Amino acid sequence: MAEIDEQEMLRAKLEQLKTEHGDLDRAIDALIESGNYNSLQLQRLKKRKLILKDQIYATKNMLLPDIIA
């Protein structure tokens, strides 16, 4: 029972991370299109996006069962 709750929590976290990643992607595109940004601001957004990508990957791995080959 606790394993199911943990799986559901991980799925919810994964969806939240994917949403935030997509939002950041759109924000970066809009910022670039506006032409009104500084490179530090853009760099920070891109770094946050990479961190989210790593967290998405790690969360996906937690959801996959261990398979012994």
N, C-alpha and C. Protein backbone atom coordinates (compact mmCIF):
# COMPACT_ATOMS: atom_id res chain seq x y z
N MET A 1 0.82 -1.20 0.00
CA MET A 1 0.00 0.00 0.00
C MET A 1 0.87 1.26 0.00
N ALA A 2 1.89 1.28 0.83
CA ALA A 2 2.77 2.45 0.89
C ALA A 2 3.52 2.64 -0.42
N GLU A 3 3.83 1.52 -1.09
CA GLU A 3 4.54 1.60 -2.36
C GLU A 3 3.67 2.28 -3.42
N ILE A 4 2.37 2.01 -3.39
CA ILE A 4 1.45 2.63 -4.34
C ILE A 4 1.39 4.13 -4.09
N ASP A 5 1.30 4.53 -2.83
CA ASP A 5 1.28 5.95 -2.50
C ASP A 5 2.56 6.64 -2.96
N GLU A 6 3.68 5.97 -2.77
CA GLU A 6 4.97 6.53 -3.19
C GLU A 6 5.01 6.69 -4.71
N GLN A 7 4.51 5.68 -5.43
CA GLN A 7 4.46 5.75 -6.89
C GLN A 7 3.58 6.91 -7.35
N GLU A 8 2.44 7.09 -6.70
CA GLU A 8 1.55 8.19 -7.06
C GLU A 8 2.20 9.54 -6.78
N MET A 9 2.90 9.63 -5.68
CA MET A 9 3.60 10.88 -5.34
C MET A 9 4.69 11.18 -6.37
N LEU A 10 5.41 10.13 -6.79
CA LEU A 10 6.46 10.32 -7.80
C LEU A 10 5.86 10.75 -9.13
N ARG A 11 4.72 10.15 -9.51
CA ARG A 11 4.07 10.54 -10.76
C ARG A 11 3.61 11.99 -10.71
N ALA A 12 3.06 12.40 -9.58
CA ALA A 12 2.62 13.79 -9.42
C ALA A 12 3.81 14.74 -9.49
N LYS A 13 4.91 14.36 -8.84
CA LYS A 13 6.13 15.18 -8.87
C LYS A 13 6.65 15.27 -10.30
N LEU A 14 6.63 14.15 -11.03
CA LEU A 14 7.10 14.13 -12.40
C LEU A 14 6.27 15.08 -13.27
N GLU A 15 4.97 15.05 -13.13
CA GLU A 15 4.11 15.94 -13.90
C GLU A 15 4.38 17.41 -13.57
N GLN A 16 4.60 17.69 -12.29
CA GLN A 16 4.89 19.06 -11.87
C GLN A 16 6.21 19.54 -12.46
N LEU A 17 7.21 18.66 -12.45
CA LEU A 17 8.52 19.00 -13.02
C LEU A 17 8.42 19.24 -14.52
N LYS A 18 7.67 18.37 -15.21
CA LYS A 18 7.50 18.53 -16.66
C LYS A 18 6.78 19.83 -16.99
N THR A 19 5.79 20.18 -16.19
CA THR A 19 5.06 21.43 -16.40
C THR A 19 5.99 22.63 -16.22
N GLU A 20 6.76 22.61 -15.14
CA GLU A 20 7.69 23.71 -14.88
C GLU A 20 8.75 23.80 -15.99
N HIS A 21 9.22 22.66 -16.46
CA HIS A 21 10.21 22.63 -17.54
C HIS A 21 9.63 23.25 -18.81
N GLY A 22 8.41 22.89 -19.14
CA GLY A 22 7.75 23.45 -20.31
C GLY A 22 7.51 24.94 -20.19
N ASP A 23 7.11 25.37 -18.99
CA ASP A 23 6.90 26.80 -18.74
C ASP A 23 8.19 27.58 -18.91
N LEU A 24 9.28 27.03 -18.39
CA LEU A 24 10.58 27.68 -18.54
C LEU A 24 11.00 27.75 -20.00
N ASP A 25 10.74 26.69 -20.73
CA ASP A 25 11.07 26.66 -22.15
C ASP A 25 10.35 27.78 -22.90
N ARG A 26 9.06 27.93 -22.62
CA ARG A 26 8.29 29.00 -23.25
C ARG A 26 8.76 30.38 -22.80
N ALA A 27 9.12 30.51 -21.53
CA ALA A 27 9.60 31.79 -21.01
C ALA A 27 10.93 32.17 -21.67
N ILE A 28 11.80 31.20 -21.85
CA ILE A 28 13.09 31.46 -22.51
C ILE A 28 12.87 31.89 -23.95
N ASP A 29 11.99 31.18 -24.66
CA ASP A 29 11.70 31.55 -26.05
C ASP A 29 11.13 32.96 -26.14
N ALA A 30 10.20 33.29 -25.24
CA ALA A 30 9.59 34.62 -25.25
C ALA A 30 10.62 35.70 -24.94
N LEU A 31 11.51 35.40 -24.02
CA LEU A 31 12.55 36.35 -23.65
C LEU A 31 13.49 36.62 -24.83
N ILE A 32 13.87 35.55 -25.52
CA ILE A 32 14.76 35.69 -26.67
C ILE A 32 14.06 36.48 -27.79
N GLU A 33 12.79 36.16 -28.03
CA GLU A 33 12.03 36.86 -29.07
C GLU A 33 11.88 38.34 -28.77
N SER A 34 11.74 38.68 -27.49
CA SER A 34 11.56 40.08 -27.13
C SER A 34 12.83 40.89 -27.40
N GLY A 35 13.97 40.22 -27.30
CA GLY A 35 15.24 40.90 -27.51
C GLY A 35 15.63 41.80 -26.35
N ASN A 36 14.81 41.84 -25.31
CA ASN A 36 15.05 42.72 -24.17
C ASN A 36 15.43 41.89 -22.95
N TYR A 37 16.65 41.42 -22.92
CA TYR A 37 17.12 40.60 -21.80
C TYR A 37 18.62 40.77 -21.67
N ASN A 38 19.11 40.38 -20.50
CA ASN A 38 20.57 40.34 -20.35
C ASN A 38 21.01 38.88 -20.32
N SER A 39 22.25 38.64 -20.66
CA SER A 39 22.74 37.27 -20.79
C SER A 39 22.72 36.52 -19.46
N LEU A 40 22.91 37.21 -18.35
CA LEU A 40 22.89 36.56 -17.05
C LEU A 40 21.49 36.02 -16.74
N GLN A 41 20.48 36.82 -17.04
CA GLN A 41 19.10 36.40 -16.82
C GLN A 41 18.79 35.15 -17.66
N LEU A 42 19.18 35.15 -18.92
CA LEU A 42 18.95 34.02 -19.80
C LEU A 42 19.72 32.79 -19.33
N GLN A 43 20.94 33.00 -18.90
CA GLN A 43 21.79 31.90 -18.42
C GLN A 43 21.17 31.24 -17.19
N ARG A 44 20.63 32.03 -16.28
CA ARG A 44 19.99 31.48 -15.07
C ARG A 44 18.77 30.65 -15.42
N LEU A 45 17.96 31.13 -16.36
CA LEU A 45 16.77 30.38 -16.77
C LEU A 45 17.16 29.05 -17.42
N LYS A 46 18.19 29.09 -18.26
CA LYS A 46 18.64 27.87 -18.92
C LYS A 46 19.23 26.88 -17.91
N LYS A 47 19.93 27.39 -16.91
CA LYS A 47 20.50 26.52 -15.88
C LYS A 47 19.39 25.85 -15.07
N ARG A 48 18.37 26.63 -14.74
CA ARG A 48 17.22 26.07 -14.00
C ARG A 48 16.52 25.00 -14.84
N LYS A 49 16.43 25.24 -16.15
CA LYS A 49 15.81 24.26 -17.05
C LYS A 49 16.61 22.96 -17.07
N LEU A 50 17.93 23.06 -17.10
CA LEU A 50 18.77 21.85 -17.06
C LEU A 50 18.64 21.10 -15.75
N ILE A 51 18.54 21.83 -14.66
CA ILE A 51 18.35 21.19 -13.35
C ILE A 51 17.03 20.42 -13.34
N LEU A 52 15.98 21.04 -13.88
CA LEU A 52 14.69 20.37 -13.96
C LEU A 52 14.77 19.12 -14.83
N LYS A 53 15.50 19.20 -15.93
CA LYS A 53 15.65 18.04 -16.81
C LYS A 53 16.31 16.89 -16.05
N ASP A 54 17.33 17.19 -15.27
CA ASP A 54 17.99 16.16 -14.46
C ASP A 54 17.04 15.57 -13.43
N GLN A 55 16.22 16.42 -12.81
CA GLN A 55 15.26 15.95 -11.82
C GLN A 55 14.18 15.07 -12.48
N ILE A 56 13.77 15.43 -13.68
CA ILE A 56 12.80 14.62 -14.42
C ILE A 56 13.39 13.24 -14.69
N TYR A 57 14.62 13.21 -15.14
CA TYR A 57 15.30 11.95 -15.43
C TYR A 57 15.40 11.08 -14.17
N ALA A 58 15.80 11.69 -13.07
CA ALA A 58 15.95 10.95 -11.81
C ALA A 58 14.60 10.42 -11.33
N THR A 59 13.56 11.22 -11.46
CA THR A 59 12.23 10.80 -11.01
C THR A 59 11.72 9.65 -11.88
N LYS A 60 11.95 9.73 -13.19
CA LYS A 60 11.55 8.65 -14.08
C LYS A 60 12.24 7.36 -13.69
N ASN A 61 13.53 7.45 -13.35
CA ASN A 61 14.27 6.26 -12.94
C ASN A 61 13.73 5.65 -11.66
N MET A 62 13.23 6.49 -10.77
CA MET A 62 12.65 5.97 -9.52
C MET A 62 11.34 5.23 -9.79
N LEU A 63 10.65 5.61 -10.84
CA LEU A 63 9.38 4.97 -11.18
C LEU A 63 9.56 3.64 -11.87
N LEU A 64 10.72 3.44 -12.53
CA LEU A 64 10.97 2.19 -13.22
C LEU A 64 11.40 1.11 -12.23
N PRO A 65 10.85 -0.09 -12.40
CA PRO A 65 11.27 -1.18 -11.49
C PRO A 65 12.70 -1.61 -11.82
N ASP A 66 13.38 -2.10 -10.80
CA ASP A 66 14.74 -2.62 -11.01
C ASP A 66 14.65 -3.91 -11.81
N ILE A 67 15.38 -3.97 -12.91
CA ILE A 67 15.37 -5.16 -13.77
C ILE A 67 16.79 -5.71 -13.78
N ILE A 68 16.90 -6.97 -13.42
CA ILE A 68 18.20 -7.62 -13.44
C ILE A 68 18.33 -8.33 -14.78
N ALA A 69 19.35 -7.96 -15.53
CA ALA A 69 19.52 -8.54 -16.87
C ALA A 69 20.19 -9.88 -16.80
